[in-house]
Every structure is written in C-alpha cells, then in structure tokens.
C-alpha cells in the first residue's frame, strides 16, 4: 500500500457522495478537537479553484527516512550516514520519541529545534490544518478521528525548511519532477544521496504551501 498526500480532499471527492459525507464528518471531528485545544475552527473549502493537489510519497520507508534525518539534527549529530533500511528503528528516532513524548510540552525558548509535526504525527492517517499551533493535537479515542492526530501545516512547512537547509535541497524543485523521482530511486551526489528523504521533504513542504495558500487541510490517504 502506498502513501499519498492530498490537499483539497472535499474538492477531490465532489463526485463521490459517500466519500464526501465521510470526510465532512471527519472535519467536524477535527473542529471538535481544535475547540477542545482552545483553537479556532478549520473551514475546509468545498471546492478549490484549481482543483485538489496530491502527491504520492516514495512509500512509508521514505517518510521514516526523513524522520531519521530530523532525529539526528535534533540530537546535534548532523546528517546521518547514507540511508539505511528500517530507519524507524534508528536509536535517535527512538530517543526523540521517548524524550519528546506523545504529549510534548510547548517548545521551550533556547532549546534545539524540534520536529514535532513531522515526528509525532501519524505516518498513514490524520490531518494537517492551515492554523499555527506548537503542539500536535491528539484526539480522544471517543472522537473517532481517523489517525487521531492533527498537525499544523505552518509548523510542518517550517520543519521541512530546516531539513531542506541541512540537505542543501532547493525547495523550488518539483517533487514529481524526473530529477527528484530519479534521485529517490537511484541516489546520486549532494542531496541526491538522500533521494527518498528529499522527495518526502519536498512533497510535505509543497503540501504545506498549498494548504496555507488555499485554506485546505493536508490529508494522508
């Protein structure tokens, strides 16, 4: 099973009445969780003028590989060695999750940059909304929210920019371009050594940009 990002899911499902109704219910649950956190509601647009935006990631392993880089940077270790299998089992990834925890406090001033909205979010479901807030929100089990997690598109964008800087990755590259897709498959020099990580970073950053521009949420599908 692959992993895709979609911005403008209601617009995408305009002809699917059952799917549309399901996601409208999900956005009601998103807003209940936002309200409980003292945040403003999210108004998901029914249609986007240019239609929905979507992008396939290079698999779950590619997202885990990007998280591995984030964990190494957070730990002050710089970039990790060349990509490895089972990036989600990297000791620094595990340390990040143990140290920051599922109920991460607000980011203290003067500490190392954190990547909560990348690291603590689900890797298969959930939402990012175009509202800025410091902590990933965890819905109650009773809420029935798919993935149970809500991140901030604005914070995700910031985190991807830090990661791109560390990789010397130009953020104007199209994640669907032949150059980026080839690097994800075959590697290469410079940022291409981390081709899958670069593809994930560019896709998430672009999704966050579109989310903030259109007011639509990022949805993992």
C-alpha atoms as a PDB file:
ATOM      1  CA  UNK A   1       0.000   0.000   0.000  1.00  0.00           C
ATOM      2  CA  UNK A   2       1.321   3.430  -0.934  1.00  0.00           C
ATOM      3  CA  UNK A   3       1.102   6.712   0.921  1.00  0.00           C
ATOM      4  CA  UNK A   4      -0.310   9.840  -0.690  1.00  0.00           C
ATOM      5  CA  UNK A   5      -0.885  13.430   0.346  1.00  0.00           C
ATOM      6  CA  UNK A   6      -3.987  15.324  -0.699  1.00  0.00           C
ATOM      7  CA  UNK A   7      -4.842  18.993  -0.215  1.00  0.00           C
ATOM      8  CA  UNK A   8      -8.458  19.781  -1.021  1.00  0.00           C
ATOM      9  CA  UNK A   9      -9.982  16.388  -0.291  1.00  0.00           C
ATOM     10  CA  UNK A  10     -13.586  17.666  -0.472  1.00  0.00           C
ATOM     11  CA  UNK A  11     -12.933  19.112  -3.905  1.00  0.00           C
ATOM     12  CA  UNK A  12     -11.366  15.801  -4.908  1.00  0.00           C
ATOM     13  CA  UNK A  13     -14.454  13.873  -3.735  1.00  0.00           C
ATOM     14  CA  UNK A  14     -17.038  16.182  -5.291  1.00  0.00           C
ATOM     15  CA  UNK A  15     -18.497  13.324  -7.359  1.00  0.00           C
ATOM     16  CA  UNK A  16     -18.301  10.737  -4.555  1.00  0.00           C
ATOM     17  CA  UNK A  17     -21.257  11.431  -2.265  1.00  0.00           C
ATOM     18  CA  UNK A  18     -20.388   8.697   0.231  1.00  0.00           C
ATOM     19  CA  UNK A  19     -16.720   9.689   0.498  1.00  0.00           C
ATOM     20  CA  UNK A  20     -17.679  13.358   0.705  1.00  0.00           C
ATOM     21  CA  UNK A  21     -20.076  12.743   3.573  1.00  0.00           C
ATOM     22  CA  UNK A  22     -17.467  10.691   5.421  1.00  0.00           C
ATOM     23  CA  UNK A  23     -14.833  13.422   5.214  1.00  0.00           C
ATOM     24  CA  UNK A  24     -17.324  16.118   6.208  1.00  0.00           C
ATOM     25  CA  UNK A  25     -17.917  14.095   9.368  1.00  0.00           C
ATOM     26  CA  UNK A  26     -14.152  13.822   9.858  1.00  0.00           C
ATOM     27  CA  UNK A  27     -13.747  17.592   9.618  1.00  0.00           C
ATOM     28  CA  UNK A  28     -16.477  18.018  12.237  1.00  0.00           C
ATOM     29  CA  UNK A  29     -14.309  15.821  14.485  1.00  0.00           C
ATOM     30  CA  UNK A  30     -11.254  17.893  13.597  1.00  0.00           C
ATOM     31  CA  UNK A  31     -13.086  21.012  14.739  1.00  0.00           C
ATOM     32  CA  UNK A  32     -14.212  19.447  17.993  1.00  0.00           C
ATOM     33  CA  UNK A  33     -10.572  18.600  18.746  1.00  0.00           C
ATOM     34  CA  UNK A  34      -9.435  22.112  17.798  1.00  0.00           C
ATOM     35  CA  UNK A  35     -12.102  23.618  20.053  1.00  0.00           C
ATOM     36  CA  UNK A  36     -11.016  21.446  22.981  1.00  0.00           C
ATOM     37  CA  UNK A  37      -7.477  22.782  22.471  1.00  0.00           C
ATOM     38  CA  UNK A  38      -8.725  26.382  22.506  1.00  0.00           C
ATOM     39  CA  UNK A  39      -8.007  26.885  18.808  1.00  0.00           C
ATOM     40  CA  UNK A  40     -10.182  28.416  16.074  1.00  0.00           C
ATOM     41  CA  UNK A  41     -12.185  26.098  13.829  1.00  0.00           C
ATOM     42  CA  UNK A  42     -10.980  24.966  10.426  1.00  0.00           C
ATOM     43  CA  UNK A  43     -13.298  25.707   7.494  1.00  0.00           C
ATOM     44  CA  UNK A  44     -12.432  23.121   4.855  1.00  0.00           C
ATOM     45  CA  UNK A  45     -13.260  24.533   1.411  1.00  0.00           C
ATOM     46  CA  UNK A  46     -15.786  22.518  -0.568  1.00  0.00           C
ATOM     47  CA  UNK A  47     -14.013  23.350  -3.824  1.00  0.00           C
ATOM     48  CA  UNK A  48     -10.648  24.753  -4.839  1.00  0.00           C
ATOM     49  CA  UNK A  49     -10.452  26.994  -7.926  1.00  0.00           C
ATOM     50  CA  UNK A  50      -7.586  24.959  -9.372  1.00  0.00           C
ATOM     51  CA  UNK A  51      -8.802  21.617  -8.023  1.00  0.00           C
ATOM     52  CA  UNK A  52      -7.190  19.441  -5.380  1.00  0.00           C
ATOM     53  CA  UNK A  53      -3.429  18.875  -5.139  1.00  0.00           C
ATOM     54  CA  UNK A  54      -1.975  15.431  -4.480  1.00  0.00           C
ATOM     55  CA  UNK A  55       1.361  13.673  -4.465  1.00  0.00           C
ATOM     56  CA  UNK A  56       2.450  10.080  -3.883  1.00  0.00           C
ATOM     57  CA  UNK A  57       5.313   9.614  -1.430  1.00  0.00           C
ATOM     58  CA  UNK A  58       8.010   7.042  -2.122  1.00  0.00           C
ATOM     59  CA  UNK A  59       6.454   4.690   0.424  1.00  0.00           C
ATOM     60  CA  UNK A  60       6.275   4.669   4.210  1.00  0.00           C
ATOM     61  CA  UNK A  61      10.001   3.921   4.411  1.00  0.00           C
ATOM     62  CA  UNK A  62      10.774   7.240   2.715  1.00  0.00           C
ATOM     63  CA  UNK A  63       8.826   9.150   5.364  1.00  0.00           C
ATOM     64  CA  UNK A  64      10.601   7.209   8.115  1.00  0.00           C
ATOM     65  CA  UNK A  65      13.939   8.011   6.466  1.00  0.00           C
ATOM     66  CA  UNK A  66      13.152  11.740   6.592  1.00  0.00           C
ATOM     67  CA  UNK A  67      12.251  11.387  10.261  1.00  0.00           C
ATOM     68  CA  UNK A  68      15.627   9.749  10.840  1.00  0.00           C
ATOM     69  CA  UNK A  69      17.345  12.859   9.490  1.00  0.00           C
ATOM     70  CA  UNK A  70      15.168  15.050  11.721  1.00  0.00           C
ATOM     71  CA  UNK A  71      16.107  12.994  14.788  1.00  0.00           C
ATOM     72  CA  UNK A  72      19.824  13.251  14.006  1.00  0.00           C
ATOM     73  CA  UNK A  73      19.605  17.025  13.568  1.00  0.00           C
ATOM     74  CA  UNK A  74      17.608  17.371  16.778  1.00  0.00           C
ATOM     75  CA  UNK A  75      20.298  15.402  18.610  1.00  0.00           C
ATOM     76  CA  UNK A  76      23.006  17.703  17.230  1.00  0.00           C
ATOM     77  CA  UNK A  77      24.630  14.921  15.215  1.00  0.00           C
ATOM     78  CA  UNK A  78      24.348  16.472  11.762  1.00  0.00           C
ATOM     79  CA  UNK A  79      23.301  14.339   8.819  1.00  0.00           C
ATOM     80  CA  UNK A  80      23.293  10.571   9.422  1.00  0.00           C
ATOM     81  CA  UNK A  81      25.279   8.120   7.316  1.00  0.00           C
ATOM     82  CA  UNK A  82      23.878   7.098   3.966  1.00  0.00           C
ATOM     83  CA  UNK A  83      20.267   5.824   4.028  1.00  0.00           C
ATOM     84  CA  UNK A  84      19.608   2.522   5.771  1.00  0.00           C
ATOM     85  CA  UNK A  85      16.747   0.049   5.934  1.00  0.00           C
ATOM     86  CA  UNK A  86      14.403   0.255   8.934  1.00  0.00           C
ATOM     87  CA  UNK A  87      15.036   3.949   9.508  1.00  0.00           C
ATOM     88  CA  UNK A  88      12.196   3.988  12.032  1.00  0.00           C
ATOM     89  CA  UNK A  89      14.293   1.757  14.296  1.00  0.00           C
ATOM     90  CA  UNK A  90      17.225   4.184  14.410  1.00  0.00           C
ATOM     91  CA  UNK A  91      18.211   4.739  18.080  1.00  0.00           C
ATOM     92  CA  UNK A  92      17.985   8.512  17.706  1.00  0.00           C
ATOM     93  CA  UNK A  93      14.454   8.264  16.320  1.00  0.00           C
ATOM     94  CA  UNK A  94      13.531   6.161  19.330  1.00  0.00           C
ATOM     95  CA  UNK A  95      15.257   8.639  21.639  1.00  0.00           C
ATOM     96  CA  UNK A  96      13.342  11.525  20.099  1.00  0.00           C
ATOM     97  CA  UNK A  97      10.033   9.783  20.678  1.00  0.00           C
ATOM     98  CA  UNK A  98      10.994   8.828  24.227  1.00  0.00           C
ATOM     99  CA  UNK A  99      12.391  12.259  25.120  1.00  0.00           C
ATOM    100  CA  UNK A 100       9.818  14.497  23.488  1.00  0.00           C
ATOM    101  CA  UNK A 101       6.985  12.080  24.144  1.00  0.00           C
ATOM    102  CA  UNK A 102       3.472  11.820  22.842  1.00  0.00           C
ATOM    103  CA  UNK A 103       2.306  14.745  24.963  1.00  0.00           C
ATOM    104  CA  UNK A 104       5.103  17.135  24.104  1.00  0.00           C
ATOM    105  CA  UNK A 105       5.120  20.380  26.094  1.00  0.00           C
ATOM    106  CA  UNK A 106       5.347  23.716  24.367  1.00  0.00           C
ATOM    107  CA  UNK A 107       8.689  24.296  22.724  1.00  0.00           C
ATOM    108  CA  UNK A 108      10.929  25.937  25.352  1.00  0.00           C
ATOM    109  CA  UNK A 109      12.850  29.006  24.248  1.00  0.00           C
ATOM    110  CA  UNK A 110      16.559  28.454  23.645  1.00  0.00           C
ATOM    111  CA  UNK A 111      16.497  24.691  23.066  1.00  0.00           C
ATOM    112  CA  UNK A 112      17.319  22.748  19.921  1.00  0.00           C
ATOM    113  CA  UNK A 113      14.847  22.898  17.063  1.00  0.00           C
ATOM    114  CA  UNK A 114      12.189  20.239  17.305  1.00  0.00           C
ATOM    115  CA  UNK A 115      10.338  18.444  14.531  1.00  0.00           C
ATOM    116  CA  UNK A 116       7.158  17.507  16.380  1.00  0.00           C
ATOM    117  CA  UNK A 117       4.758  17.950  13.463  1.00  0.00           C
ATOM    118  CA  UNK A 118       6.820  15.577  11.350  1.00  0.00           C
ATOM    119  CA  UNK A 119       7.914  13.165  14.065  1.00  0.00           C
ATOM    120  CA  UNK A 120       4.841  12.829  16.282  1.00  0.00           C
ATOM    121  CA  UNK A 121       2.196  12.715  13.565  1.00  0.00           C
ATOM    122  CA  UNK A 122       0.822   9.504  12.094  1.00  0.00           C
ATOM    123  CA  UNK A 123       2.584   8.070   9.066  1.00  0.00           C
ATOM    124  CA  UNK A 124      -0.620   6.803   7.454  1.00  0.00           C
ATOM    125  CA  UNK A 125      -3.667   8.860   8.508  1.00  0.00           C
ATOM    126  CA  UNK A 126      -4.581  12.147  10.069  1.00  0.00           C
ATOM    127  CA  UNK A 127      -4.725  15.809   9.139  1.00  0.00           C
ATOM    128  CA  UNK A 128      -2.645  18.969   8.989  1.00  0.00           C
ATOM    129  CA  UNK A 129      -4.727  22.161   9.095  1.00  0.00           C
ATOM    130  CA  UNK A 130      -3.637  25.671   7.998  1.00  0.00           C
ATOM    131  CA  UNK A 131      -3.582  27.030  11.543  1.00  0.00           C
ATOM    132  CA  UNK A 132      -0.398  27.699  13.500  1.00  0.00           C
ATOM    133  CA  UNK A 133      -0.083  25.949  16.869  1.00  0.00           C
ATOM    134  CA  UNK A 134       3.013  24.500  18.564  1.00  0.00           C
ATOM    135  CA  UNK A 135       1.912  21.008  19.556  1.00  0.00           C
ATOM    136  CA  UNK A 136       0.490  18.138  17.547  1.00  0.00           C
ATOM    137  CA  UNK A 137      -3.072  17.572  18.781  1.00  0.00           C
ATOM    138  CA  UNK A 138      -4.148  14.125  19.922  1.00  0.00           C
ATOM    139  CA  UNK A 139      -7.866  13.491  19.658  1.00  0.00           C
ATOM    140  CA  UNK A 140      -9.548  11.343  22.275  1.00  0.00           C
ATOM    141  CA  UNK A 141     -10.376   7.781  21.271  1.00  0.00           C
ATOM    142  CA  UNK A 142     -14.016   8.656  21.643  1.00  0.00           C
ATOM    143  CA  UNK A 143     -13.664  11.349  18.983  1.00  0.00           C
ATOM    144  CA  UNK A 144     -13.279   8.733  16.258  1.00  0.00           C
ATOM    145  CA  UNK A 145     -10.921  10.913  14.230  1.00  0.00           C
ATOM    146  CA  UNK A 146      -9.066   8.998  11.516  1.00  0.00           C
ATOM    147  CA  UNK A 147      -5.448   8.727  12.610  1.00  0.00           C
ATOM    148  CA  UNK A 148      -6.317  10.528  15.843  1.00  0.00           C
ATOM    149  CA  UNK A 149      -3.833  13.321  15.119  1.00  0.00           C
ATOM    150  CA  UNK A 150      -3.905  16.909  13.869  1.00  0.00           C
ATOM    151  CA  UNK A 151      -0.787  18.809  12.889  1.00  0.00           C
ATOM    152  CA  UNK A 152      -0.210  22.393  11.762  1.00  0.00           C
ATOM    153  CA  UNK A 153       0.577  22.986   8.080  1.00  0.00           C
ATOM    154  CA  UNK A 154       2.518  26.119   9.080  1.00  0.00           C
ATOM    155  CA  UNK A 155       4.709  24.251  11.555  1.00  0.00           C
ATOM    156  CA  UNK A 156       5.252  21.367   9.121  1.00  0.00           C
ATOM    157  CA  UNK A 157       6.391  23.860   6.487  1.00  0.00           C
ATOM    158  CA  UNK A 158       8.914  25.377   8.909  1.00  0.00           C
ATOM    159  CA  UNK A 159      10.273  21.956   9.850  1.00  0.00           C
ATOM    160  CA  UNK A 160      10.682  20.936   6.208  1.00  0.00           C
ATOM    161  CA  UNK A 161      12.594  24.146   5.510  1.00  0.00           C
ATOM    162  CA  UNK A 162      15.077  23.334   8.265  1.00  0.00           C
ATOM    163  CA  UNK A 163      15.507  19.825   6.880  1.00  0.00           C
ATOM    164  CA  UNK A 164      15.938  21.119   3.321  1.00  0.00           C
ATOM    165  CA  UNK A 165      18.623  23.525   4.531  1.00  0.00           C
ATOM    166  CA  UNK A 166      20.545  20.693   6.152  1.00  0.00           C
ATOM    167  CA  UNK A 167      20.328  18.653   2.938  1.00  0.00           C
ATOM    168  CA  UNK A 168      21.232  21.635   0.708  1.00  0.00           C
ATOM    169  CA  UNK A 169      17.971  20.780  -1.045  1.00  0.00           C
ATOM    170  CA  UNK A 170      16.439  23.505  -3.269  1.00  0.00           C
ATOM    171  CA  UNK A 171      12.831  23.907  -2.228  1.00  0.00           C
ATOM    172  CA  UNK A 172      11.787  25.089  -5.679  1.00  0.00           C
ATOM    173  CA  UNK A 173      12.222  21.557  -7.034  1.00  0.00           C
ATOM    174  CA  UNK A 174       9.010  19.779  -8.011  1.00  0.00           C
ATOM    175  CA  UNK A 175       8.667  16.513  -6.049  1.00  0.00           C
ATOM    176  CA  UNK A 176       7.104  14.948  -9.160  1.00  0.00           C
ATOM    177  CA  UNK A 177       9.972  16.019 -11.450  1.00  0.00           C
ATOM    178  CA  UNK A 178      12.156  13.429 -13.155  1.00  0.00           C
ATOM    179  CA  UNK A 179      15.222  14.725 -11.292  1.00  0.00           C
ATOM    180  CA  UNK A 180      13.666  14.183  -7.859  1.00  0.00           C
ATOM    181  CA  UNK A 181      11.974  10.884  -8.698  1.00  0.00           C
ATOM    182  CA  UNK A 182      15.222   9.530 -10.177  1.00  0.00           C
ATOM    183  CA  UNK A 183      17.134  10.559  -7.048  1.00  0.00           C
ATOM    184  CA  UNK A 184      14.531   8.807  -4.884  1.00  0.00           C
ATOM    185  CA  UNK A 185      15.098   5.640  -6.902  1.00  0.00           C
ATOM    186  CA  UNK A 186      18.843   5.766  -7.528  1.00  0.00           C
ATOM    187  CA  UNK A 187      20.508   8.328  -5.255  1.00  0.00           C
ATOM    188  CA  UNK A 188      23.426  10.420  -6.512  1.00  0.00           C
ATOM    189  CA  UNK A 189      25.706  13.242  -5.329  1.00  0.00           C
ATOM    190  CA  UNK A 190      24.793  16.019  -2.892  1.00  0.00           C
ATOM    191  CA  UNK A 191      21.197  15.991  -1.710  1.00  0.00           C
ATOM    192  CA  UNK A 192      20.529  13.106  -4.090  1.00  0.00           C
ATOM    193  CA  UNK A 193      22.367  10.785  -1.698  1.00  0.00           C
ATOM    194  CA  UNK A 194      19.246  11.168   0.433  1.00  0.00           C
ATOM    195  CA  UNK A 195      16.917  10.888  -2.537  1.00  0.00           C
ATOM    196  CA  UNK A 196      13.919   9.380  -0.766  1.00  0.00           C
ATOM    197  CA  UNK A 197      14.246  11.793   2.128  1.00  0.00           C
ATOM    198  CA  UNK A 198      14.485  14.697  -0.326  1.00  0.00           C
ATOM    199  CA  UNK A 199      11.370  13.562  -2.149  1.00  0.00           C
ATOM    200  CA  UNK A 200       9.414  13.294   1.115  1.00  0.00           C
ATOM    201  CA  UNK A 201      10.662  16.697   2.281  1.00  0.00           C
ATOM    202  CA  UNK A 202       9.698  18.402  -0.978  1.00  0.00           C
ATOM    203  CA  UNK A 203       6.283  16.714  -1.089  1.00  0.00           C
ATOM    204  CA  UNK A 204       5.433  17.653   2.503  1.00  0.00           C
ATOM    205  CA  UNK A 205       6.704  21.206   2.025  1.00  0.00           C
ATOM    206  CA  UNK A 206       4.685  21.665  -1.153  1.00  0.00           C
ATOM    207  CA  UNK A 207       1.596  20.226   0.525  1.00  0.00           C
ATOM    208  CA  UNK A 208       2.035  22.683   3.395  1.00  0.00           C
ATOM    209  CA  UNK A 209       2.438  25.603   0.976  1.00  0.00           C
ATOM    210  CA  UNK A 210      -0.725  24.643  -0.910  1.00  0.00           C
ATOM    211  CA  UNK A 211      -2.570  24.139   2.374  1.00  0.00           C
ATOM    212  CA  UNK A 212      -1.649  27.600   3.631  1.00  0.00           C
ATOM    213  CA  UNK A 213      -2.454  29.214   0.284  1.00  0.00           C
ATOM    214  CA  UNK A 214      -5.841  27.555  -0.220  1.00  0.00           C
ATOM    215  CA  UNK A 215      -7.015  27.114   3.367  1.00  0.00           C
ATOM    216  CA  UNK A 216      -7.467  23.375   2.796  1.00  0.00           C
ATOM    217  CA  UNK A 217      -6.092  20.654   5.067  1.00  0.00           C
ATOM    218  CA  UNK A 218      -3.400  18.139   4.201  1.00  0.00           C
ATOM    219  CA  UNK A 219      -4.852  14.640   4.372  1.00  0.00           C
ATOM    220  CA  UNK A 220      -2.853  11.398   4.376  1.00  0.00           C
ATOM    221  CA  UNK A 221      -4.576   8.908   2.082  1.00  0.00           C
END
